Protein backbone atom coordinates (compact mmCIF):
# COMPACT_ATOMS: atom_id res chain seq x y z
CA MET A 1 12.22 3.00 2.24
CA LYS A 2 8.96 1.13 2.36
CA ASN A 3 6.22 3.52 1.21
CA GLN A 4 2.89 2.18 2.44
CA TRP A 5 -0.32 4.09 1.77
CA ARG A 6 -3.09 1.98 3.28
CA SER A 7 -5.97 3.86 4.86
CA ILE A 8 -5.02 5.39 8.20
CA SER A 9 -8.35 7.00 8.96
CA ALA A 10 -9.36 4.18 11.32
CA GLY A 11 -6.21 4.64 13.34
CA LEU A 12 -6.49 8.40 13.75
CA GLY A 13 -9.56 8.12 15.94
CA MET A 14 -7.82 5.92 18.48
CA PHE A 15 -5.66 8.53 20.23
CA GLY A 16 -7.19 8.65 23.66
CA LEU A 17 -3.75 8.72 25.28
CA CYS A 18 -1.54 11.79 25.32
CA LEU A 19 1.49 11.32 27.49
CA ALA A 20 3.08 14.43 28.94
CA PRO A 21 6.54 15.11 27.49
CA HIS A 22 9.43 14.67 29.86
CA ALA A 23 11.45 17.57 28.47
CA GLY A 24 14.12 18.78 30.82
CA ALA A 25 14.03 15.73 33.11
CA VAL A 26 17.52 14.97 34.39
CA ALA A 27 18.49 11.30 34.34
CA ALA A 28 20.15 9.71 37.35
CA PRO A 29 23.76 8.63 36.62
CA ASN A 30 22.94 5.03 35.69
CA ASP A 31 19.39 5.46 34.38
CA PRO A 32 18.90 4.04 30.89
CA ILE A 33 18.15 6.25 27.93
CA VAL A 34 15.22 4.83 26.00
CA ILE A 35 15.11 4.61 22.20
CA GLY A 36 11.68 3.75 20.81
CA MET A 37 11.28 1.40 17.84
CA VAL A 38 7.85 0.91 16.25
CA GLU A 39 8.58 -1.46 13.39
CA PRO A 40 7.11 -4.40 11.42
CA TYR A 41 8.60 -7.33 13.29
CA THR A 42 6.02 -9.74 11.88
CA GLY A 43 4.14 -9.90 8.58
CA GLU A 44 5.25 -9.49 4.98
CA GLU A 45 7.56 -6.56 5.77
CA SER A 46 9.27 -8.12 8.80
CA ASN A 47 12.65 -7.90 7.06
CA TYR A 48 12.57 -4.16 7.76
CA GLY A 49 12.17 -4.78 11.48
CA GLN A 50 15.16 -7.11 11.32
CA TRP A 51 17.18 -4.42 9.54
CA VAL A 52 16.35 -1.94 12.31
CA ASP A 53 17.48 -4.36 15.02
CA ASP A 54 20.63 -5.28 13.11
CA SER A 55 21.47 -1.61 12.47
CA TRP A 56 21.40 -0.98 16.20
CA LYS A 57 23.54 -4.05 16.88
CA LEU A 58 26.30 -2.66 14.66
CA ALA A 59 25.86 0.97 15.76
CA LEU A 60 26.15 0.02 19.43
CA GLU A 61 29.29 -1.97 18.65
CA VAL A 62 30.88 0.89 16.69
CA TYR A 63 29.73 3.86 18.77
CA GLY A 64 29.31 2.25 22.19
CA ASP A 65 26.27 1.01 24.08
CA LYS A 66 26.22 3.80 26.66
CA ILE A 67 25.61 7.54 26.54
CA GLN A 68 28.06 9.08 29.01
CA GLY A 69 27.44 6.26 31.48
CA HIS A 70 23.75 5.79 30.72
CA PRO A 71 22.94 2.42 29.12
CA ILE A 72 20.88 2.56 25.94
CA LYS A 73 17.57 0.73 26.29
CA LEU A 74 15.82 -0.25 23.06
CA VAL A 75 12.03 -0.50 23.46
CA ARG A 76 10.30 -2.33 20.59
CA ALA A 77 6.71 -2.76 19.46
CA ASP A 78 5.38 -4.52 16.36
CA SER A 79 3.55 -2.29 13.84
CA LYS A 80 3.11 -5.11 11.27
CA CYS A 81 3.13 -2.41 8.56
CA GLU A 82 -0.54 -1.82 9.39
CA PRO A 83 -1.53 1.72 10.49
CA SER A 84 -4.19 0.63 13.00
CA VAL A 85 -1.70 -1.75 14.64
CA ALA A 86 0.99 0.93 14.57
CA VAL A 87 -1.23 3.20 16.68
CA SER A 88 -1.39 0.65 19.50
CA ALA A 89 2.33 -0.09 19.13
CA GLY A 90 3.13 3.60 19.22
CA ARG A 91 1.17 4.13 22.42
CA GLN A 92 2.97 1.16 23.99
CA VAL A 93 6.39 2.61 23.16
CA MET A 94 5.46 6.16 24.21
CA ALA A 95 4.49 4.83 27.64
CA GLU A 96 8.23 4.11 28.13
CA HIS A 97 9.08 7.80 27.54
CA PRO A 98 11.61 7.41 24.71
CA ALA A 99 14.14 10.17 24.21
CA ILE A 100 14.16 9.52 20.46
CA LEU A 101 11.93 7.42 18.21
CA MET A 102 12.85 5.37 15.17
CA ALA A 103 9.93 6.01 12.81
CA PRO A 104 8.18 2.93 11.40
CA VAL A 105 9.70 2.09 8.03
CA CYS A 106 6.18 1.94 6.52
CA SER A 107 5.11 5.49 5.72
CA GLY A 108 1.45 4.83 6.48
CA ASP A 109 2.41 3.63 9.98
CA THR A 110 4.42 6.78 10.62
CA LEU A 111 1.55 8.99 9.47
CA ALA A 112 -0.83 7.04 11.72
CA ILE A 113 1.28 7.71 14.83
CA MET A 114 2.14 11.30 13.90
CA PRO A 115 -0.29 12.72 16.51
CA LEU A 116 1.54 10.70 19.17
CA ILE A 117 4.93 11.93 17.99
CA LYS A 118 3.81 15.56 18.13
CA SER A 119 1.82 15.41 21.37
CA ASN A 120 4.67 13.65 23.17
CA GLN A 121 7.29 15.89 21.57
CA VAL A 122 9.63 13.05 20.65
CA PRO A 123 12.36 13.73 18.05
CA THR A 124 11.89 11.09 15.37
CA LEU A 125 14.27 9.77 12.73
CA SER A 126 12.82 8.43 9.48
CA ASP A 127 13.59 6.13 6.56
CA ASN A 128 10.20 6.89 4.95
CA ILE A 129 9.82 8.19 1.39
CA ALA A 130 6.26 9.60 1.56
CA PRO A 131 6.59 13.42 1.39
CA LYS A 132 3.79 13.87 3.97
CA VAL A 133 5.97 12.37 6.71
CA THR A 134 8.02 15.54 7.08
CA GLN A 135 5.35 17.89 5.74
CA GLU A 136 2.92 16.95 8.52
CA SER A 137 5.40 16.51 11.39
CA ASP A 138 5.58 20.13 12.62
CA GLY A 139 9.34 19.72 12.71
CA TRP A 140 9.47 16.55 14.84
CA VAL A 141 10.53 14.12 12.08
CA TRP A 142 13.98 14.10 10.46
CA ARG A 143 14.18 12.10 7.24
CA ILE A 144 17.42 10.39 6.18
CA GLN A 145 16.10 8.48 3.15
CA LEU A 146 15.37 10.37 -0.08
CA THR A 147 11.93 10.96 -1.54
CA ASP A 148 10.94 10.06 -5.07
CA SER A 149 10.83 13.75 -6.00
CA VAL A 150 14.57 13.98 -5.21
CA VAL A 151 15.82 10.92 -7.11
CA THR A 152 13.56 10.91 -10.18
CA PRO A 153 14.51 14.24 -11.84
CA PRO A 154 18.25 13.40 -12.02
CA GLU A 155 17.39 10.05 -13.59
CA ALA A 156 15.10 11.76 -16.12
CA LYS A 157 17.85 14.24 -16.95
CA TYR A 158 20.28 11.38 -17.59
CA ILE A 159 17.76 9.54 -19.79
CA LEU A 160 17.21 12.71 -21.83
CA SER A 161 20.96 13.20 -22.21
CA LYS A 162 21.07 9.99 -24.26
CA GLY A 163 19.04 11.64 -27.02
CA TYR A 164 16.08 9.24 -27.08
CA LYS A 165 13.11 10.47 -29.12
CA ARG A 166 10.54 7.81 -28.23
CA ILE A 167 10.36 6.94 -24.53
CA GLY A 168 7.74 4.77 -22.84
CA VAL A 169 6.72 4.68 -19.17
CA ILE A 170 5.13 1.78 -17.26
CA HIS A 171 3.99 2.17 -13.65
CA ASP A 172 1.61 0.51 -11.21
CA THR A 173 -1.72 1.99 -10.14
CA SER A 174 -1.00 2.28 -6.40
CA ALA A 175 -0.69 5.79 -4.96
CA PRO A 176 3.14 5.71 -4.85
CA GLY A 177 3.26 4.07 -8.29
CA GLU A 178 1.06 6.80 -9.77
CA ALA A 179 3.20 9.45 -8.06
CA ASN A 180 6.47 8.00 -9.33
CA GLY A 181 5.07 7.62 -12.83
CA LYS A 182 3.85 11.21 -12.82
CA ASN A 183 7.20 12.48 -11.52
CA MET A 184 9.03 10.75 -14.38
CA ILE A 185 6.50 11.80 -17.02
CA ASP A 186 6.60 15.42 -15.82
CA ALA A 187 10.42 15.48 -15.68
CA LEU A 188 10.76 14.04 -19.19
CA THR A 189 8.15 16.44 -20.53
CA ALA A 190 9.80 19.43 -18.87
CA GLY A 191 13.07 18.33 -20.46
CA GLY A 192 11.54 18.49 -23.92
CA THR A 193 10.71 14.83 -24.64
CA ALA A 194 7.30 13.75 -23.39
CA PRO A 195 6.73 9.98 -23.30
CA VAL A 196 5.08 8.68 -26.47
CA GLU A 197 3.36 5.87 -24.56
CA VAL A 198 2.27 5.29 -20.94
CA ALA A 199 0.88 2.02 -19.56
CA THR A 200 -0.15 0.84 -16.11
CA TYR A 201 -0.64 -2.41 -14.19
CA ALA A 202 -2.11 -3.41 -10.82
CA LEU A 203 0.14 -4.56 -7.97
CA ALA A 204 -1.69 -7.89 -7.89
CA ASP A 205 -0.94 -8.58 -11.57
CA THR A 206 1.48 -11.33 -12.51
CA ASP A 207 1.05 -11.15 -16.29
CA TYR A 208 2.39 -7.92 -17.80
CA SER A 209 1.96 -8.83 -21.45
CA GLY A 210 -0.70 -6.16 -21.93
CA PRO A 211 1.38 -3.09 -21.03
CA LEU A 212 4.55 -4.65 -22.48
CA LEU A 213 2.97 -5.38 -25.87
CA LYS A 214 1.59 -1.84 -25.87
CA MET A 215 5.14 -0.59 -25.41
CA LYS A 216 6.53 -2.92 -28.03
CA GLY A 217 4.05 -1.59 -30.55
CA ALA A 218 5.13 2.00 -29.87
CA ASN A 219 8.55 1.57 -31.53
CA LEU A 220 10.40 2.89 -28.48
CA ASP A 221 14.03 3.98 -28.10
CA ALA A 222 13.94 3.43 -24.31
CA LEU A 223 11.57 2.27 -21.57
CA TYR A 224 11.18 3.40 -17.96
CA VAL A 225 9.67 0.90 -15.50
CA GLU A 226 8.33 1.75 -12.03
CA ALA A 227 7.83 -1.25 -9.76
CA TYR A 228 8.49 -2.78 -6.38
CA GLU A 229 11.20 -5.44 -6.25
CA THR A 230 9.17 -8.61 -6.87
CA GLN A 231 6.81 -7.12 -9.43
CA GLY A 232 9.72 -5.47 -11.21
CA ALA A 233 11.62 -8.74 -11.44
CA ARG A 234 8.64 -10.42 -13.09
CA LEU A 235 8.00 -7.48 -15.42
CA ILE A 236 11.61 -7.19 -16.59
CA SER A 237 11.84 -10.97 -17.06
CA GLN A 238 8.71 -10.96 -19.20
CA ALA A 239 10.02 -8.01 -21.21
CA LYS A 240 13.16 -9.97 -22.05
CA GLN A 241 11.03 -12.99 -22.97
CA LEU A 242 9.07 -10.78 -25.37
CA GLY A 243 12.31 -9.77 -27.08
CA PHE A 244 12.91 -6.29 -25.66
CA THR A 245 16.42 -5.15 -26.56
CA ILE A 246 16.01 -1.41 -25.99
CA PRO A 247 17.58 0.22 -22.90
CA ILE A 248 15.36 -0.21 -19.84
CA TYR A 249 15.52 2.16 -16.87
CA GLY A 250 14.02 1.57 -13.43
CA ASN A 251 13.13 3.30 -10.19
CA PHE A 252 15.17 2.93 -7.00
CA SER A 253 13.24 -0.10 -5.70
CA LEU A 254 14.82 -2.23 -8.44
CA PHE A 255 18.38 -1.90 -7.18
CA ASP A 256 18.65 -4.20 -4.20
CA GLU A 257 19.25 -7.92 -3.73
CA THR A 258 15.54 -8.78 -3.57
CA PHE A 259 15.08 -7.66 -7.18
CA ILE A 260 18.17 -9.24 -8.69
CA LYS A 261 17.69 -12.56 -6.90
CA ALA A 262 14.20 -12.78 -8.38
CA ALA A 263 15.11 -11.44 -11.84
CA GLY A 264 18.34 -13.39 -12.30
CA GLU A 265 20.14 -12.77 -15.58
CA ALA A 266 17.12 -10.89 -16.94
CA GLY A 267 17.95 -8.05 -14.55
CA ASN A 268 21.39 -7.47 -16.06
CA GLY A 269 21.63 -4.19 -17.94
CA LEU A 270 18.83 -2.43 -16.07
CA ILE A 271 19.87 1.16 -15.32
CA GLY A 272 18.50 3.48 -12.65
CA VAL A 273 19.13 5.39 -9.46
CA THR A 274 19.61 4.64 -5.79
CA SER A 275 20.63 6.56 -2.66
CA TYR A 276 23.35 4.08 -1.72
CA ALA A 277 25.52 1.31 -3.10
CA PRO A 278 27.93 -0.82 -1.02
CA ASN A 279 30.85 0.07 -3.29
CA TRP A 280 30.27 3.75 -4.07
CA SER A 281 32.89 5.10 -1.62
CA GLU A 282 35.55 3.97 0.81
CA ASN A 283 33.15 4.63 3.71
CA SER A 284 30.36 2.57 2.12
CA LYS A 285 32.79 -0.30 1.46
CA LYS A 286 33.95 -0.23 5.08
CA PHE A 287 30.34 -0.18 6.29
CA ASP A 288 29.31 -3.11 4.11
CA GLU A 289 32.33 -5.11 5.24
CA GLN A 290 31.56 -4.42 8.93
CA TRP A 291 27.91 -5.34 8.38
CA PHE A 292 28.67 -8.57 6.55
CA LYS A 293 31.26 -9.64 9.10
CA LYS A 294 28.80 -9.19 11.96
CA LEU A 295 25.51 -10.17 10.30
CA ASN A 296 26.47 -12.35 7.30
CA TYR A 297 24.49 -10.51 4.64
CA HIS A 298 25.11 -7.39 2.59
CA THR A 299 23.70 -3.88 2.87
CA ASN A 300 21.26 -1.90 0.74
CA ALA A 301 19.87 1.65 0.63
CA ASP A 302 17.31 1.06 3.39
CA ILE A 303 19.88 -0.56 5.66
CA ALA A 304 22.30 2.33 5.13
CA ALA A 305 19.61 4.88 5.99
CA ILE A 306 18.39 2.95 9.05
CA TYR A 307 21.96 2.60 10.30
CA GLU A 308 22.47 6.35 9.89
CA MET A 309 19.28 6.87 11.94
CA ALA A 310 20.88 4.94 14.78
CA VAL A 311 24.14 6.87 14.48
CA ALA A 312 22.27 10.20 14.45
CA ALA A 313 20.39 9.23 17.62
CA ILE A 314 23.55 8.18 19.47
CA THR A 315 25.44 11.29 18.32
CA ALA A 316 22.66 13.69 19.39
CA LEU A 317 22.29 12.11 22.81
CA ASN A 318 26.03 12.16 23.42
CA LYS A 319 25.94 15.93 22.97
CA SER A 320 23.42 16.29 25.79
CA PRO A 321 22.27 13.10 27.59
CA ASP A 322 19.67 14.97 29.66
CA ALA A 323 18.11 16.88 26.75
CA ARG A 324 14.56 15.92 25.87
CA GLY A 325 11.69 17.31 23.81
CA LYS A 326 12.35 20.58 22.01
CA GLU A 327 15.93 20.88 23.26
CA LEU A 328 16.87 17.43 21.96
CA ASN A 329 14.91 18.02 18.76
CA THR A 330 17.03 21.08 18.05
CA ILE A 331 20.19 19.03 18.59
CA VAL A 332 18.96 16.35 16.18
CA GLY A 333 18.05 18.99 13.61
CA ASN A 334 21.59 20.38 13.77
CA THR A 335 23.13 16.97 13.01
CA ASN A 336 26.27 17.07 10.88
CA ILE A 337 28.10 13.75 10.71
CA PRO A 338 30.71 13.11 8.00
CA ASN A 339 32.04 9.82 6.63
CA LEU A 340 28.83 7.81 6.88
CA PRO A 341 27.70 5.17 4.36
CA MET A 342 25.77 7.75 2.31
CA GLY A 343 28.21 10.62 2.86
CA THR A 344 27.76 13.51 5.28
CA LEU A 345 24.47 13.45 7.17
CA ALA A 346 22.73 16.76 7.82
CA PHE A 347 19.13 17.99 7.68
CA ASP A 348 17.57 21.02 6.04
CA LYS A 349 14.93 23.20 7.71
CA THR A 350 12.11 21.10 6.24
CA GLY A 351 13.40 17.98 8.02
CA ASN A 352 14.77 16.32 4.90
CA ASN A 353 18.27 15.13 4.07
CA ALA A 354 20.36 18.20 3.22
CA ASN A 355 23.00 16.19 1.35
CA PRO A 356 21.05 13.85 -0.95
CA LEU A 357 23.14 11.22 -2.70
CA VAL A 358 21.78 10.06 -6.07
CA LEU A 359 23.79 7.33 -7.75
CA LEU A 360 23.32 6.11 -11.31
CA VAL A 361 23.72 2.33 -11.18
CA THR A 362 23.28 -0.78 -13.30
CA TRP A 363 23.17 -4.53 -12.80
CA LYS A 364 26.21 -6.22 -14.35
CA ASN A 365 26.66 -9.97 -13.90
CA GLN A 366 23.93 -9.63 -11.25
CA GLN A 367 26.11 -7.27 -9.23
CA LEU A 368 25.36 -3.59 -8.63
CA GLU A 369 27.79 -1.32 -10.45
CA VAL A 370 27.97 2.45 -9.90
CA LEU A 371 28.12 4.33 -13.21
CA GLN A 372 28.33 7.86 -11.83
CA VAL A 373 27.23 10.21 -9.07
CA LEU A 374 24.31 12.28 -10.36
CA GLU A 375 23.92 14.34 -7.19
CA GLY A 376 25.70 14.50 -3.88
CA GLN A 377 29.21 14.23 -2.53
CA LYS A 378 31.50 13.14 -5.36
């Protein structure tokens, strides 16, 4: 779900290569079918690259490592979560003529290689949350993860249902932080209770006493915090140290193991939304058990979405191993796969998940507990 908004203008001028699509090419009986993977295998976000590789390890074990006799060949290149690097990595992968591409998990990387995706006519599956990823894809990108605009309004509706009169909002000043903060502020305001106080912080900050003391002085009934995992853990811990006892709500980034390991007991009681929890359904429990048995760590929302990307690719190719380009893109777009970790996977005509799952969750004894299903398959 990594939403990365660094400048991509430098990368967009580097597209000297436009490889001709191989739509309609018929593979020889034992020819491999190439899946392209442009991911951050090194750098601060390298855990996402590991999750992509591990998702394919399990998917190939569960669904088979061949497509009607054709071995699956995974072609990787390191994007480092840097758009200019992603351009070079994307060109390297496209040179192998992939049937389907796994979009970089960093949204800025995906936007940087979008011209390559479109010019090579490669159906692309995405875990990105930046709205532009599907808006600018001309129908070539299919998003499995949910955008902020999908998960925030149900959370705001739940917060308003509690009858709070004085709500505060804290968010960071990055582009996604500003967007998330605005989405929550707008949703609360539209519901009849505009926030009485709004405060911001920079991603590089480590001391949040300024915005927190501003909130404490506002005599709040409830507080909403937008943050990435590490920053959120520090912010929530400092709030508890300052004596906050009011209900605190958070955005979806605060409901995975990275956050709770850093926050410790201070994270208990935080309420918010996510698109997946390991224990929300029998299918998610089975998936988490399979994952842990094979890979020795537990799943999260990004892992579930990335795994479903792999399953969608395998399923589409099994329907027509020789399909490429527009024909294969149509098959991917018509995906309908039940009983997956996040429910039934299908796409709408805009390329987004047609069956969004929004779970209300909380941390209890440093374990994620599902309170209710706000949207999706109950």
